[in-house]
Amino acid sequence: AVDDPNASYCPSLDARFRYGPPAEGDVEAYKAYIATFPIIDRPEIFGLHQNADISFQQKETGTMLETIISLQPRTGGGAGVKTPD
């Protein structure tokens, strides 16, 4: 356990958000502390380079586009009939 209340798990991010141990308290105090965390964590908190976020976003975009394309109708337009897309 970390005894220093000013300890930070990622000092390079302290200007944005200080990832550190919460003060001792009851369950509600811990829940309130957790609720202050950023919705999207920076890669640095996991020991990754900032460019890891770019790689992640590119992969997510590719996956999303593949899903959208897979949902497109694949009906044929034989005999001169127009397709629904």
N, C-alpha and C. Protein backbone atom coordinates (compact mmCIF):
# COMPACT_ATOMS: atom_id res chain seq x y z
N ALA A 1 0.85 -1.18 0.00
CA ALA A 1 0.00 0.00 0.00
C ALA A 1 0.88 1.23 0.00
N VAL A 2 0.39 2.28 -0.57
CA VAL A 2 1.11 3.55 -0.63
C VAL A 2 0.66 4.40 0.54
N ASP A 3 1.61 4.82 1.37
CA ASP A 3 1.27 5.62 2.55
C ASP A 3 1.29 7.12 2.28
N ASP A 4 1.96 7.54 1.21
CA ASP A 4 2.08 8.96 0.91
C ASP A 4 0.82 9.43 0.16
N PRO A 5 0.03 10.34 0.75
CA PRO A 5 -1.20 10.80 0.09
C PRO A 5 -0.92 11.62 -1.17
N ASN A 6 0.32 12.10 -1.34
CA ASN A 6 0.67 12.89 -2.52
C ASN A 6 1.31 12.03 -3.61
N ALA A 7 1.37 10.73 -3.40
CA ALA A 7 1.98 9.84 -4.39
C ALA A 7 1.17 9.86 -5.67
N SER A 8 1.87 9.68 -6.78
CA SER A 8 1.21 9.66 -8.08
C SER A 8 1.73 8.46 -8.86
N TYR A 9 0.81 7.74 -9.49
CA TYR A 9 1.20 6.59 -10.28
C TYR A 9 1.76 7.00 -11.64
N CYS A 10 1.46 8.21 -12.08
CA CYS A 10 1.94 8.69 -13.38
C CYS A 10 2.18 10.19 -13.28
N PRO A 11 3.33 10.60 -12.73
CA PRO A 11 3.59 12.04 -12.54
C PRO A 11 3.51 12.86 -13.82
N SER A 12 3.78 12.26 -14.98
CA SER A 12 3.73 13.03 -16.22
C SER A 12 2.31 13.47 -16.58
N LEU A 13 1.30 12.88 -15.96
CA LEU A 13 -0.09 13.26 -16.23
C LEU A 13 -0.72 14.09 -15.13
N ASP A 14 0.05 14.44 -14.11
CA ASP A 14 -0.51 15.15 -12.97
C ASP A 14 -1.19 16.46 -13.34
N ALA A 15 -0.75 17.12 -14.42
CA ALA A 15 -1.38 18.38 -14.82
C ALA A 15 -2.82 18.15 -15.28
N ARG A 16 -3.12 16.96 -15.82
CA ARG A 16 -4.47 16.65 -16.30
C ARG A 16 -5.31 15.98 -15.23
N PHE A 17 -4.73 14.97 -14.60
CA PHE A 17 -5.42 14.22 -13.55
C PHE A 17 -4.36 13.48 -12.74
N ARG A 18 -4.49 13.52 -11.43
CA ARG A 18 -3.50 12.83 -10.58
C ARG A 18 -4.01 11.43 -10.25
N TYR A 19 -3.34 10.45 -10.85
CA TYR A 19 -3.65 9.06 -10.54
C TYR A 19 -2.88 8.70 -9.27
N GLY A 20 -3.57 8.66 -8.18
CA GLY A 20 -2.93 8.33 -6.91
C GLY A 20 -3.89 7.58 -6.01
N PRO A 21 -3.39 7.16 -4.88
CA PRO A 21 -4.26 6.42 -3.96
C PRO A 21 -5.31 7.34 -3.34
N PRO A 22 -6.50 6.84 -3.12
CA PRO A 22 -7.53 7.66 -2.47
C PRO A 22 -7.26 7.78 -0.98
N ALA A 23 -7.83 8.80 -0.40
CA ALA A 23 -7.74 8.96 1.05
C ALA A 23 -8.58 7.86 1.70
N GLU A 24 -8.22 7.48 2.91
CA GLU A 24 -9.00 6.46 3.60
C GLU A 24 -10.40 6.98 3.87
N GLY A 25 -11.36 6.09 3.77
CA GLY A 25 -12.74 6.48 4.01
C GLY A 25 -13.66 5.29 3.85
N ASP A 26 -14.94 5.60 3.82
CA ASP A 26 -15.93 4.53 3.66
C ASP A 26 -16.12 4.23 2.17
N VAL A 27 -16.98 3.31 1.88
CA VAL A 27 -17.21 2.87 0.50
C VAL A 27 -17.69 4.03 -0.37
N GLU A 28 -18.54 4.88 0.17
CA GLU A 28 -19.06 6.01 -0.60
C GLU A 28 -17.95 6.98 -0.97
N ALA A 29 -16.98 7.17 -0.09
CA ALA A 29 -15.84 8.05 -0.40
C ALA A 29 -15.02 7.47 -1.54
N TYR A 30 -14.83 6.16 -1.53
CA TYR A 30 -14.10 5.51 -2.62
C TYR A 30 -14.86 5.62 -3.94
N LYS A 31 -16.17 5.44 -3.89
CA LYS A 31 -16.99 5.57 -5.11
C LYS A 31 -16.91 6.99 -5.65
N ALA A 32 -16.95 7.98 -4.76
CA ALA A 32 -16.86 9.38 -5.19
C ALA A 32 -15.51 9.65 -5.83
N TYR A 33 -14.44 9.08 -5.27
CA TYR A 33 -13.10 9.26 -5.83
C TYR A 33 -13.01 8.61 -7.22
N ILE A 34 -13.54 7.42 -7.36
CA ILE A 34 -13.50 6.72 -8.64
C ILE A 34 -14.30 7.48 -9.69
N ALA A 35 -15.38 8.12 -9.30
CA ALA A 35 -16.21 8.89 -10.22
C ALA A 35 -15.47 10.09 -10.81
N THR A 36 -14.38 10.53 -10.18
CA THR A 36 -13.62 11.66 -10.70
C THR A 36 -12.62 11.26 -11.78
N PHE A 37 -12.41 9.96 -11.98
CA PHE A 37 -11.45 9.49 -12.98
C PHE A 37 -11.91 9.91 -14.38
N PRO A 38 -10.97 10.16 -15.28
CA PRO A 38 -11.33 10.48 -16.66
C PRO A 38 -12.04 9.30 -17.33
N ILE A 39 -12.94 9.59 -18.24
CA ILE A 39 -13.66 8.53 -18.94
C ILE A 39 -12.71 7.77 -19.85
N ILE A 40 -11.80 8.49 -20.49
CA ILE A 40 -10.83 7.85 -21.39
C ILE A 40 -9.45 8.00 -20.76
N ASP A 41 -8.83 6.86 -20.46
CA ASP A 41 -7.50 6.88 -19.86
C ASP A 41 -6.44 7.14 -20.92
N ARG A 42 -5.42 7.89 -20.54
CA ARG A 42 -4.29 8.14 -21.43
C ARG A 42 -3.39 6.91 -21.43
N PRO A 43 -2.72 6.62 -22.54
CA PRO A 43 -1.85 5.43 -22.62
C PRO A 43 -0.70 5.47 -21.61
N GLU A 44 -0.27 6.66 -21.23
CA GLU A 44 0.86 6.78 -20.32
C GLU A 44 0.60 6.12 -18.97
N ILE A 45 -0.65 6.10 -18.52
CA ILE A 45 -0.95 5.50 -17.23
C ILE A 45 -0.68 4.00 -17.24
N PHE A 46 -0.69 3.40 -18.43
CA PHE A 46 -0.40 1.97 -18.57
C PHE A 46 1.04 1.72 -18.99
N GLY A 47 1.85 2.79 -19.01
CA GLY A 47 3.25 2.65 -19.38
C GLY A 47 3.47 2.62 -20.89
N LEU A 48 2.48 3.04 -21.66
CA LEU A 48 2.60 3.04 -23.11
C LEU A 48 2.97 4.43 -23.62
N HIS A 49 3.49 4.49 -24.83
CA HIS A 49 3.83 5.76 -25.47
C HIS A 49 2.55 6.44 -25.93
N GLN A 50 2.60 7.76 -26.10
CA GLN A 50 1.43 8.51 -26.54
C GLN A 50 0.92 8.04 -27.89
N ASN A 51 1.81 7.56 -28.75
CA ASN A 51 1.40 7.09 -30.08
C ASN A 51 0.55 5.83 -30.00
N ALA A 52 0.56 5.14 -28.88
CA ALA A 52 -0.29 3.96 -28.73
C ALA A 52 -1.76 4.33 -28.88
N ASP A 53 -2.12 5.53 -28.48
CA ASP A 53 -3.50 6.00 -28.61
C ASP A 53 -3.87 6.15 -30.09
N ILE A 54 -2.93 6.65 -30.90
CA ILE A 54 -3.18 6.80 -32.33
C ILE A 54 -3.39 5.43 -32.97
N SER A 55 -2.55 4.48 -32.62
CA SER A 55 -2.68 3.13 -33.17
C SER A 55 -4.03 2.52 -32.77
N PHE A 56 -4.41 2.72 -31.53
CA PHE A 56 -5.69 2.19 -31.04
C PHE A 56 -6.85 2.80 -31.81
N GLN A 57 -6.82 4.12 -32.01
CA GLN A 57 -7.91 4.79 -32.72
C GLN A 57 -7.99 4.34 -34.18
N GLN A 58 -6.84 4.11 -34.82
CA GLN A 58 -6.85 3.62 -36.19
C GLN A 58 -7.47 2.23 -36.27
N LYS A 59 -7.12 1.37 -35.33
CA LYS A 59 -7.68 0.02 -35.32
C LYS A 59 -9.18 0.07 -35.07
N GLU A 60 -9.63 0.89 -34.13
CA GLU A 60 -11.06 1.02 -33.85
C GLU A 60 -11.82 1.53 -35.07
N THR A 61 -11.24 2.49 -35.78
CA THR A 61 -11.88 3.03 -36.98
C THR A 61 -12.02 1.95 -38.04
N GLY A 62 -10.96 1.18 -38.25
CA GLY A 62 -11.01 0.09 -39.23
C GLY A 62 -12.07 -0.93 -38.88
N THR A 63 -12.14 -1.30 -37.62
CA THR A 63 -13.15 -2.26 -37.16
C THR A 63 -14.56 -1.73 -37.37
N MET A 64 -14.77 -0.46 -37.06
CA MET A 64 -16.08 0.14 -37.22
C MET A 64 -16.49 0.17 -38.69
N LEU A 65 -15.56 0.56 -39.57
CA LEU A 65 -15.88 0.61 -41.00
C LEU A 65 -16.16 -0.78 -41.56
N GLU A 66 -15.41 -1.78 -41.12
CA GLU A 66 -15.68 -3.16 -41.55
C GLU A 66 -17.07 -3.61 -41.13
N THR A 67 -17.47 -3.23 -39.92
CA THR A 67 -18.81 -3.58 -39.43
C THR A 67 -19.89 -2.90 -40.25
N ILE A 68 -19.69 -1.62 -40.55
CA ILE A 68 -20.67 -0.88 -41.35
C ILE A 68 -20.81 -1.50 -42.73
N ILE A 69 -19.69 -1.82 -43.36
CA ILE A 69 -19.72 -2.43 -44.69
C ILE A 69 -20.39 -3.80 -44.64
N SER A 70 -20.15 -4.55 -43.58
CA SER A 70 -20.76 -5.89 -43.49
C SER A 70 -22.27 -5.82 -43.32
N LEU A 71 -22.79 -4.69 -42.87
CA LEU A 71 -24.23 -4.54 -42.66
C LEU A 71 -24.96 -4.06 -43.91
N GLN A 72 -24.22 -3.70 -44.95
CA GLN A 72 -24.85 -3.23 -46.18
C GLN A 72 -25.57 -4.39 -46.85
N PRO A 73 -26.73 -4.12 -47.48
CA PRO A 73 -27.46 -5.18 -48.17
C PRO A 73 -26.63 -5.74 -49.34
N ARG A 74 -26.75 -7.04 -49.57
CA ARG A 74 -25.97 -7.69 -50.63
C ARG A 74 -26.90 -8.35 -51.66
N THR A 75 -28.01 -7.71 -51.96
CA THR A 75 -28.93 -8.30 -52.92
C THR A 75 -28.47 -7.99 -54.33
N GLY A 76 -28.70 -8.92 -55.21
CA GLY A 76 -28.34 -8.73 -56.61
C GLY A 76 -29.45 -8.01 -57.35
N GLY A 77 -29.11 -7.38 -58.45
CA GLY A 77 -30.10 -6.63 -59.23
C GLY A 77 -30.35 -7.25 -60.58
N GLY A 78 -30.55 -8.57 -60.62
CA GLY A 78 -30.72 -9.26 -61.88
C GLY A 78 -31.94 -8.80 -62.66
N ALA A 79 -31.95 -9.03 -63.95
CA ALA A 79 -33.07 -8.73 -64.87
C ALA A 79 -33.40 -7.25 -64.93
N GLY A 80 -32.41 -6.40 -64.76
CA GLY A 80 -32.63 -4.97 -64.92
C GLY A 80 -33.37 -4.31 -63.79
N VAL A 81 -33.55 -5.00 -62.68
CA VAL A 81 -34.26 -4.43 -61.52
C VAL A 81 -33.24 -3.66 -60.68
N LYS A 82 -33.64 -2.49 -60.21
CA LYS A 82 -32.75 -1.69 -59.37
C LYS A 82 -32.56 -2.34 -58.00
N THR A 83 -31.36 -2.18 -57.44
CA THR A 83 -31.09 -2.69 -56.11
C THR A 83 -31.59 -1.69 -55.08
N PRO A 84 -31.92 -2.15 -53.85
CA PRO A 84 -32.46 -1.26 -52.83
C PRO A 84 -31.41 -0.29 -52.26
N ASP A 85 -30.14 -0.50 -52.51
CA ASP A 85 -29.14 0.41 -51.96
C ASP A 85 -28.85 1.46 -52.98
